[in-house]
Amino acid sequence: MIRYARNTYFIACLRGNEIRRGLYFRWLVSPLFMVGFLVLFGLLGLLGDQRAIFYAFTGSMTLTLISGPFQILSQDIAFLKIRGGLDYYALQPISLLELASGFLLAEFGATLPIAGVALLVGYLLGMPVQINVWLLPALLLAHIALSAVGLAIGVLSPNMRIQNLLSQLYLYIVFLFAPVMIPPERLPLWLVQIMRYSPAHQAADFLRASIQGQVTPDSLIQAGMLAVGSLGLLILFGYSLPWRRRRT
């Protein structure tokens, strides 16, 4: 466990140096996506009641938090896999799981300030925002769940074009047809039944409960199942990375 923590931190520091150059621009632009979605939903007349407003806020906040790490991790893994960039990491005394964990840790650290800005925007808009002990685990769960999907897409994609297509398609389907940004009663019942098992939907539900301070045993069970499934996906596809050079 000590070796795992040490190597994960080492990879996170390397990864942090790579993403640091565009970090301030990312912190500035990401919250604008949330504001833009709220404005769009208002123009479409979907913000006529408080529940719809809260769903739009938490759903767009989930999108803001995970779209960056999801797409960046997916793109970078696909790029490193295709161009042989993983060879550098393969020369280090680390495992594939430690590599994936380090990448996620660095991305989560870069995402936390965005979460703070998003919560501030929600508070200024009159959303029922509560700071409690469940907020950080909810943010971490949302990050891990969608990053695991991003890692899977990056590993499975044969080239960058397919990776971009799959990642964009996943985000469009989840956030337009799942009850993430839109209350379930405004969607067809069959669609809600299909999309209720989406990681983005489950992560958004737990984030909503934590923001309201209404975390229940049922929501904790669902969050635990999502965490186990996401970690399993990370391990599965972490070990599927093409480790072209192995240390002896």
C-alpha atoms as a PDB file:
ATOM      1  CA  MET A   1       0.000   0.000   0.000  1.00  0.00           C
ATOM      2  CA  ILE A   2       2.864   2.399   0.806  1.00  0.00           C
ATOM      3  CA  ARG A   3       4.501   1.619  -2.534  1.00  0.00           C
ATOM      4  CA  TYR A   4       1.193   2.163  -4.329  1.00  0.00           C
ATOM      5  CA  ALA A   5       0.654   5.560  -2.648  1.00  0.00           C
ATOM      6  CA  ARG A   6       4.231   6.670  -3.327  1.00  0.00           C
ATOM      7  CA  ASN A   7       4.182   5.701  -6.999  1.00  0.00           C
ATOM      8  CA  THR A   8       0.713   7.156  -7.529  1.00  0.00           C
ATOM      9  CA  TYR A   9       1.894  10.463  -6.079  1.00  0.00           C
ATOM     10  CA  PHE A  10       4.977  10.347  -8.326  1.00  0.00           C
ATOM     11  CA  ILE A  11       2.859   9.868 -11.447  1.00  0.00           C
ATOM     12  CA  ALA A  12       0.401  12.549 -10.291  1.00  0.00           C
ATOM     13  CA  CYS A  13       3.276  15.042  -9.989  1.00  0.00           C
ATOM     14  CA  LEU A  14       4.490  14.203 -13.499  1.00  0.00           C
ATOM     15  CA  ARG A  15       0.970  14.487 -14.843  1.00  0.00           C
ATOM     16  CA  GLY A  16       0.416  17.748 -12.973  1.00  0.00           C
ATOM     17  CA  ASN A  17       3.447  19.283 -14.664  1.00  0.00           C
ATOM     18  CA  GLU A  18       1.987  18.343 -18.042  1.00  0.00           C
ATOM     19  CA  ILE A  19      -1.427  19.921 -17.463  1.00  0.00           C
ATOM     20  CA  ARG A  20      -0.233  22.981 -15.538  1.00  0.00           C
ATOM     21  CA  ARG A  21       0.362  25.166 -18.588  1.00  0.00           C
ATOM     22  CA  GLY A  22      -3.296  25.342 -19.623  1.00  0.00           C
ATOM     23  CA  LEU A  23      -4.710  25.087 -16.126  1.00  0.00           C
ATOM     24  CA  TYR A  24      -5.734  28.705 -15.573  1.00  0.00           C
ATOM     25  CA  PHE A  25      -7.524  28.834 -18.914  1.00  0.00           C
ATOM     26  CA  ARG A  26      -9.344  25.637 -17.976  1.00  0.00           C
ATOM     27  CA  TRP A  27     -10.370  27.093 -14.602  1.00  0.00           C
ATOM     28  CA  LEU A  28     -11.691  30.184 -16.386  1.00  0.00           C
ATOM     29  CA  VAL A  29     -13.589  28.491 -19.210  1.00  0.00           C
ATOM     30  CA  SER A  30     -15.087  25.437 -17.479  1.00  0.00           C
ATOM     31  CA  PRO A  31     -17.622  27.330 -15.290  1.00  0.00           C
ATOM     32  CA  LEU A  32     -18.833  29.138 -18.406  1.00  0.00           C
ATOM     33  CA  PHE A  33     -20.215  25.822 -19.676  1.00  0.00           C
ATOM     34  CA  MET A  34     -22.469  25.616 -16.626  1.00  0.00           C
ATOM     35  CA  VAL A  35     -23.716  29.179 -17.078  1.00  0.00           C
ATOM     36  CA  GLY A  36     -24.250  28.536 -20.783  1.00  0.00           C
ATOM     37  CA  PHE A  37     -26.361  25.438 -20.136  1.00  0.00           C
ATOM     38  CA  LEU A  38     -28.485  27.297 -17.598  1.00  0.00           C
ATOM     39  CA  VAL A  39     -29.091  30.086 -20.087  1.00  0.00           C
ATOM     40  CA  LEU A  40     -29.951  27.567 -22.813  1.00  0.00           C
ATOM     41  CA  PHE A  41     -32.414  25.723 -20.596  1.00  0.00           C
ATOM     42  CA  GLY A  42     -33.993  29.039 -19.665  1.00  0.00           C
ATOM     43  CA  LEU A  43     -34.457  29.962 -23.317  1.00  0.00           C
ATOM     44  CA  LEU A  44     -36.069  26.570 -23.948  1.00  0.00           C
ATOM     45  CA  GLY A  45     -38.542  27.175 -21.134  1.00  0.00           C
ATOM     46  CA  LEU A  46     -37.308  24.243 -19.036  1.00  0.00           C
ATOM     47  CA  LEU A  47     -36.670  26.309 -15.913  1.00  0.00           C
ATOM     48  CA  GLY A  48     -40.252  26.994 -14.997  1.00  0.00           C
ATOM     49  CA  ASP A  49     -40.079  25.336 -11.588  1.00  0.00           C
ATOM     50  CA  GLN A  50     -37.522  25.061  -8.795  1.00  0.00           C
ATOM     51  CA  ARG A  51     -36.938  21.343  -9.303  1.00  0.00           C
ATOM     52  CA  ALA A  52     -36.103  21.839 -12.974  1.00  0.00           C
ATOM     53  CA  ILE A  53     -33.742  24.684 -12.098  1.00  0.00           C
ATOM     54  CA  PHE A  54     -31.948  22.532  -9.526  1.00  0.00           C
ATOM     55  CA  TYR A  55     -31.637  19.623 -11.975  1.00  0.00           C
ATOM     56  CA  ALA A  56     -30.250  21.944 -14.622  1.00  0.00           C
ATOM     57  CA  PHE A  57     -27.751  23.389 -12.143  1.00  0.00           C
ATOM     58  CA  THR A  58     -26.505  20.072 -10.737  1.00  0.00           C
ATOM     59  CA  GLY A  59     -26.519  18.393 -14.136  1.00  0.00           C
ATOM     60  CA  SER A  60     -24.529  21.190 -15.756  1.00  0.00           C
ATOM     61  CA  MET A  61     -22.202  21.178 -12.730  1.00  0.00           C
ATOM     62  CA  THR A  62     -21.621  17.448 -13.241  1.00  0.00           C
ATOM     63  CA  LEU A  63     -20.882  18.109 -16.900  1.00  0.00           C
ATOM     64  CA  THR A  64     -18.495  20.908 -15.961  1.00  0.00           C
ATOM     65  CA  LEU A  65     -16.628  18.704 -13.510  1.00  0.00           C
ATOM     66  CA  ILE A  66     -16.298  15.564 -15.588  1.00  0.00           C
ATOM     67  CA  SER A  67     -16.250  16.663 -19.235  1.00  0.00           C
ATOM     68  CA  GLY A  68     -12.748  18.104 -18.888  1.00  0.00           C
ATOM     69  CA  PRO A  69     -11.087  15.142 -17.108  1.00  0.00           C
ATOM     70  CA  PHE A  70     -13.191  12.654 -19.086  1.00  0.00           C
ATOM     71  CA  GLN A  71     -12.180  14.019 -22.476  1.00  0.00           C
ATOM     72  CA  ILE A  72      -8.613  14.941 -21.556  1.00  0.00           C
ATOM     73  CA  LEU A  73      -7.852  11.554 -20.014  1.00  0.00           C
ATOM     74  CA  SER A  74      -9.491   9.747 -22.930  1.00  0.00           C
ATOM     75  CA  GLN A  75      -7.575  11.801 -25.503  1.00  0.00           C
ATOM     76  CA  ASP A  76      -4.213  11.592 -23.759  1.00  0.00           C
ATOM     77  CA  ILE A  77      -4.411   7.840 -23.153  1.00  0.00           C
ATOM     78  CA  ALA A  78      -5.398   7.270 -26.791  1.00  0.00           C
ATOM     79  CA  PHE A  79      -2.577   9.546 -27.969  1.00  0.00           C
ATOM     80  CA  LEU A  80       0.038   7.914 -25.725  1.00  0.00           C
ATOM     81  CA  LYS A  81      -1.156   4.451 -26.703  1.00  0.00           C
ATOM     82  CA  ILE A  82      -1.061   5.128 -30.438  1.00  0.00           C
ATOM     83  CA  ARG A  83       2.206   7.126 -30.501  1.00  0.00           C
ATOM     84  CA  GLY A  84       4.102   4.923 -28.076  1.00  0.00           C
ATOM     85  CA  GLY A  85       4.261   7.550 -25.343  1.00  0.00           C
ATOM     86  CA  LEU A  86       3.535   4.925 -22.698  1.00  0.00           C
ATOM     87  CA  ASP A  87       7.041   3.585 -23.191  1.00  0.00           C
ATOM     88  CA  TYR A  88       8.416   6.279 -20.889  1.00  0.00           C
ATOM     89  CA  TYR A  89       6.120   5.220 -18.071  1.00  0.00           C
ATOM     90  CA  ALA A  90       6.872   1.574 -18.790  1.00  0.00           C
ATOM     91  CA  LEU A  91      10.520   2.235 -17.966  1.00  0.00           C
ATOM     92  CA  GLN A  92       9.555   3.413 -14.482  1.00  0.00           C
ATOM     93  CA  PRO A  93       9.176   0.951 -11.572  1.00  0.00           C
ATOM     94  CA  ILE A  94       5.387   1.365 -11.524  1.00  0.00           C
ATOM     95  CA  SER A  95       2.354  -0.750 -12.307  1.00  0.00           C
ATOM     96  CA  LEU A  96      -0.406   0.016 -14.788  1.00  0.00           C
ATOM     97  CA  LEU A  97      -2.855   0.586 -11.934  1.00  0.00           C
ATOM     98  CA  GLU A  98      -0.506   3.128 -10.357  1.00  0.00           C
ATOM     99  CA  LEU A  99      -0.232   4.909 -13.709  1.00  0.00           C
ATOM    100  CA  ALA A 100      -4.021   5.206 -14.072  1.00  0.00           C
ATOM    101  CA  SER A 101      -4.406   6.267 -10.415  1.00  0.00           C
ATOM    102  CA  GLY A 102      -1.751   8.968 -10.766  1.00  0.00           C
ATOM    103  CA  PHE A 103      -3.444  10.391 -13.836  1.00  0.00           C
ATOM    104  CA  LEU A 104      -6.788  10.495 -12.000  1.00  0.00           C
ATOM    105  CA  LEU A 105      -5.285  12.127  -8.906  1.00  0.00           C
ATOM    106  CA  ALA A 106      -3.722  14.914 -10.945  1.00  0.00           C
ATOM    107  CA  GLU A 107      -6.943  15.561 -12.848  1.00  0.00           C
ATOM    108  CA  PHE A 108      -8.967  15.597  -9.623  1.00  0.00           C
ATOM    109  CA  GLY A 109      -6.656  18.193  -8.101  1.00  0.00           C
ATOM    110  CA  ALA A 110      -7.112  20.374 -11.175  1.00  0.00           C
ATOM    111  CA  THR A 111     -10.902  19.950 -10.987  1.00  0.00           C
ATOM    112  CA  LEU A 112     -11.474  20.956  -7.345  1.00  0.00           C
ATOM    113  CA  PRO A 113     -11.182  24.738  -7.952  1.00  0.00           C
ATOM    114  CA  ILE A 114     -13.766  24.400 -10.739  1.00  0.00           C
ATOM    115  CA  ALA A 115     -16.114  22.716  -8.268  1.00  0.00           C
ATOM    116  CA  GLY A 116     -15.668  25.619  -5.851  1.00  0.00           C
ATOM    117  CA  VAL A 117     -16.541  28.159  -8.534  1.00  0.00           C
ATOM    118  CA  ALA A 118     -19.560  26.105  -9.618  1.00  0.00           C
ATOM    119  CA  LEU A 119     -20.883  25.944  -6.049  1.00  0.00           C
ATOM    120  CA  LEU A 120     -20.383  29.692  -5.690  1.00  0.00           C
ATOM    121  CA  VAL A 121     -22.347  30.308  -8.890  1.00  0.00           C
ATOM    122  CA  GLY A 122     -25.121  28.041  -7.603  1.00  0.00           C
ATOM    123  CA  TYR A 123     -25.217  29.884  -4.278  1.00  0.00           C
ATOM    124  CA  LEU A 124     -25.467  33.246  -6.046  1.00  0.00           C
ATOM    125  CA  LEU A 125     -28.324  31.860  -8.153  1.00  0.00           C
ATOM    126  CA  GLY A 126     -30.218  30.828  -5.027  1.00  0.00           C
ATOM    127  CA  MET A 127     -29.645  27.088  -5.287  1.00  0.00           C
ATOM    128  CA  PRO A 128     -29.980  25.059  -2.030  1.00  0.00           C
ATOM    129  CA  VAL A 129     -26.213  24.594  -1.712  1.00  0.00           C
ATOM    130  CA  GLN A 130     -24.967  23.096   1.559  1.00  0.00           C
ATOM    131  CA  ILE A 131     -21.326  22.444   2.401  1.00  0.00           C
ATOM    132  CA  ASN A 132     -21.165  19.114   4.243  1.00  0.00           C
ATOM    133  CA  VAL A 133     -18.960  16.051   4.674  1.00  0.00           C
ATOM    134  CA  TRP A 134     -20.540  14.267   1.700  1.00  0.00           C
ATOM    135  CA  LEU A 135     -19.631  16.903  -0.860  1.00  0.00           C
ATOM    136  CA  LEU A 136     -15.988  15.913  -1.394  1.00  0.00           C
ATOM    137  CA  PRO A 137     -16.767  12.158  -1.690  1.00  0.00           C
ATOM    138  CA  ALA A 138     -19.513  13.010  -4.196  1.00  0.00           C
ATOM    139  CA  LEU A 139     -17.107  15.078  -6.288  1.00  0.00           C
ATOM    140  CA  LEU A 140     -14.481  12.331  -6.124  1.00  0.00           C
ATOM    141  CA  LEU A 141     -17.033   9.672  -7.101  1.00  0.00           C
ATOM    142  CA  ALA A 142     -18.233  11.681 -10.098  1.00  0.00           C
ATOM    143  CA  HIS A 143     -14.638  12.198 -11.174  1.00  0.00           C
ATOM    144  CA  ILE A 144     -13.670   8.524 -10.831  1.00  0.00           C
ATOM    145  CA  ALA A 145     -16.828   7.182 -12.477  1.00  0.00           C
ATOM    146  CA  LEU A 146     -16.596   9.257 -15.629  1.00  0.00           C
ATOM    147  CA  SER A 147     -12.806   9.121 -15.813  1.00  0.00           C
ATOM    148  CA  ALA A 148     -13.097   5.326 -15.829  1.00  0.00           C
ATOM    149  CA  VAL A 149     -15.351   5.570 -18.869  1.00  0.00           C
ATOM    150  CA  GLY A 150     -12.877   7.977 -20.476  1.00  0.00           C
ATOM    151  CA  LEU A 151     -10.003   5.590 -19.824  1.00  0.00           C
ATOM    152  CA  ALA A 152     -11.989   2.738 -21.375  1.00  0.00           C
ATOM    153  CA  ILE A 153     -12.692   4.782 -24.507  1.00  0.00           C
ATOM    154  CA  GLY A 154      -9.030   5.801 -24.774  1.00  0.00           C
ATOM    155  CA  VAL A 155      -7.830   2.199 -24.472  1.00  0.00           C
ATOM    156  CA  LEU A 156     -10.383   0.761 -26.905  1.00  0.00           C
ATOM    157  CA  SER A 157     -10.090   3.450 -29.610  1.00  0.00           C
ATOM    158  CA  PRO A 158      -7.876   2.420 -32.554  1.00  0.00           C
ATOM    159  CA  ASN A 159      -7.106   6.042 -33.466  1.00  0.00           C
ATOM    160  CA  MET A 160      -7.755   9.619 -32.347  1.00  0.00           C
ATOM    161  CA  ARG A 161     -10.692  10.130 -34.720  1.00  0.00           C
ATOM    162  CA  ILE A 162     -12.605   7.214 -33.239  1.00  0.00           C
ATOM    163  CA  GLN A 163     -11.712   8.356 -29.724  1.00  0.00           C
ATOM    164  CA  ASN A 164     -13.095  11.858 -30.344  1.00  0.00           C
ATOM    165  CA  LEU A 165     -16.254  10.432 -31.917  1.00  0.00           C
ATOM    166  CA  LEU A 166     -16.930   7.991 -29.061  1.00  0.00           C
ATOM    167  CA  SER A 167     -16.265  10.504 -26.279  1.00  0.00           C
ATOM    168  CA  GLN A 168     -18.467  13.176 -27.842  1.00  0.00           C
ATOM    169  CA  LEU A 169     -21.213  10.650 -28.570  1.00  0.00           C
ATOM    170  CA  TYR A 170     -21.179   9.407 -24.971  1.00  0.00           C
ATOM    171  CA  LEU A 171     -21.475  12.920 -23.536  1.00  0.00           C
ATOM    172  CA  TYR A 172     -24.289  13.874 -25.908  1.00  0.00           C
ATOM    173  CA  ILE A 173     -26.310  10.744 -25.140  1.00  0.00           C
ATOM    174  CA  VAL A 174     -25.841  10.969 -21.371  1.00  0.00           C
ATOM    175  CA  PHE A 175     -26.581  14.635 -20.924  1.00  0.00           C
ATOM    176  CA  LEU A 176     -29.405  14.946 -23.438  1.00  0.00           C
ATOM    177  CA  PHE A 177     -31.252  11.667 -22.912  1.00  0.00           C
ATOM    178  CA  ALA A 178     -30.494  10.704 -19.299  1.00  0.00           C
ATOM    179  CA  PRO A 179     -32.059  12.348 -16.210  1.00  0.00           C
ATOM    180  CA  VAL A 180     -28.871  14.246 -15.442  1.00  0.00           C
ATOM    181  CA  MET A 181     -29.775  17.776 -16.466  1.00  0.00           C
ATOM    182  CA  ILE A 182     -33.466  17.154 -17.085  1.00  0.00           C
ATOM    183  CA  PRO A 183     -35.858  15.871 -14.367  1.00  0.00           C
ATOM    184  CA  PRO A 184     -36.974  12.283 -15.046  1.00  0.00           C
ATOM    185  CA  GLU A 185     -40.642  13.267 -15.251  1.00  0.00           C
ATOM    186  CA  ARG A 186     -39.832  15.345 -18.353  1.00  0.00           C
ATOM    187  CA  LEU A 187     -38.379  12.315 -20.167  1.00  0.00           C
ATOM    188  CA  PRO A 188     -40.114   9.185 -21.529  1.00  0.00           C
ATOM    189  CA  LEU A 189     -40.346   6.478 -18.886  1.00  0.00           C
ATOM    190  CA  TRP A 190     -38.625   3.857 -21.071  1.00  0.00           C
ATOM    191  CA  LEU A 191     -35.697   6.205 -21.601  1.00  0.00           C
ATOM    192  CA  VAL A 192     -35.366   6.853 -17.871  1.00  0.00           C
ATOM    193  CA  GLN A 193     -35.371   3.105 -17.174  1.00  0.00           C
ATOM    194  CA  ILE A 194     -32.584   2.542 -19.695  1.00  0.00           C
ATOM    195  CA  MET A 195     -30.371   5.472 -18.664  1.00  0.00           C
ATOM    196  CA  ARG A 196     -30.806   5.163 -14.908  1.00  0.00           C
ATOM    197  CA  TYR A 197     -27.781   2.839 -14.793  1.00  0.00           C
ATOM    198  CA  SER A 198     -25.515   5.334 -16.521  1.00  0.00           C
ATOM    199  CA  PRO A 199     -22.487   6.312 -14.363  1.00  0.00           C
ATOM    200  CA  ALA A 200     -23.173   9.976 -15.112  1.00  0.00           C
ATOM    201  CA  HIS A 201     -26.774   9.670 -13.875  1.00  0.00           C
ATOM    202  CA  GLN A 202     -25.787   7.897 -10.675  1.00  0.00           C
ATOM    203  CA  ALA A 203     -22.940  10.325 -10.000  1.00  0.00           C
ATOM    204  CA  ALA A 204     -25.249  13.298 -10.591  1.00  0.00           C
ATOM    205  CA  ASP A 205     -27.870  11.846  -8.229  1.00  0.00           C
ATOM    206  CA  PHE A 206     -25.326  11.443  -5.432  1.00  0.00           C
ATOM    207  CA  LEU A 207     -23.991  14.940  -6.087  1.00  0.00           C
ATOM    208  CA  ARG A 208     -27.521  16.337  -5.872  1.00  0.00           C
ATOM    209  CA  ALA A 209     -28.133  14.555  -2.576  1.00  0.00           C
ATOM    210  CA  SER A 210     -24.844  15.790  -1.115  1.00  0.00           C
ATOM    211  CA  ILE A 211     -25.433  19.403  -2.191  1.00  0.00           C
ATOM    212  CA  GLN A 212     -28.850  19.343  -0.526  1.00  0.00           C
ATOM    213  CA  GLY A 213     -27.554  17.535   2.562  1.00  0.00           C
ATOM    214  CA  GLN A 214     -30.048  14.711   1.942  1.00  0.00           C
ATOM    215  CA  VAL A 215     -27.772  11.672   1.675  1.00  0.00           C
ATOM    216  CA  THR A 216     -29.770   8.546   2.609  1.00  0.00           C
ATOM    217  CA  PRO A 217     -28.720   4.906   3.130  1.00  0.00           C
ATOM    218  CA  ASP A 218     -30.157   4.081  -0.310  1.00  0.00           C
ATOM    219  CA  SER A 219     -28.059   6.770  -1.979  1.00  0.00           C
ATOM    220  CA  LEU A 220     -24.978   5.508  -0.133  1.00  0.00           C
ATOM    221  CA  ILE A 221     -25.627   1.973  -1.393  1.00  0.00           C
ATOM    222  CA  GLN A 222     -25.963   3.237  -4.965  1.00  0.00           C
ATOM    223  CA  ALA A 223     -22.808   5.328  -4.569  1.00  0.00           C
ATOM    224  CA  GLY A 224     -20.934   2.309  -3.214  1.00  0.00           C
ATOM    225  CA  MET A 225     -22.010   0.156  -6.153  1.00  0.00           C
ATOM    226  CA  LEU A 226     -20.950   2.899  -8.563  1.00  0.00           C
ATOM    227  CA  ALA A 227     -17.571   3.222  -6.828  1.00  0.00           C
ATOM    228  CA  VAL A 228     -16.931  -0.535  -6.974  1.00  0.00           C
ATOM    229  CA  GLY A 229     -17.934  -0.703 -10.637  1.00  0.00           C
ATOM    230  CA  SER A 230     -15.812   2.315 -11.539  1.00  0.00           C
ATOM    231  CA  LEU A 231     -12.743   1.003  -9.727  1.00  0.00           C
ATOM    232  CA  GLY A 232     -13.242  -2.348 -11.425  1.00  0.00           C
ATOM    233  CA  LEU A 233     -13.362  -0.597 -14.797  1.00  0.00           C
ATOM    234  CA  LEU A 234     -10.190   1.334 -13.983  1.00  0.00           C
ATOM    235  CA  ILE A 235      -8.355  -1.846 -13.012  1.00  0.00           C
ATOM    236  CA  LEU A 236      -9.618  -3.750 -16.052  1.00  0.00           C
ATOM    237  CA  PHE A 237      -8.653  -1.144 -18.617  1.00  0.00           C
ATOM    238  CA  GLY A 238      -5.593  -0.020 -16.665  1.00  0.00           C
ATOM    239  CA  TYR A 239      -4.182  -3.504 -17.156  1.00  0.00           C
ATOM    240  CA  SER A 240      -5.278  -3.408 -20.803  1.00  0.00           C
ATOM    241  CA  LEU A 241      -2.901  -0.554 -21.611  1.00  0.00           C
ATOM    242  CA  PRO A 242      -0.213  -1.654 -24.094  1.00  0.00           C
ATOM    243  CA  TRP A 243       2.878  -1.773 -21.893  1.00  0.00           C
ATOM    244  CA  ARG A 244       5.314  -2.110 -24.800  1.00  0.00           C
ATOM    245  CA  ARG A 245       8.432  -2.247 -22.697  1.00  0.00           C
ATOM    246  CA  ARG A 246       8.576  -4.087 -19.415  1.00  0.00           C
ATOM    247  CA  ARG A 247      11.185  -3.767 -16.741  1.00  0.00           C
ATOM    248  CA  THR A 248      13.128  -6.864 -15.922  1.00  0.00           C
END
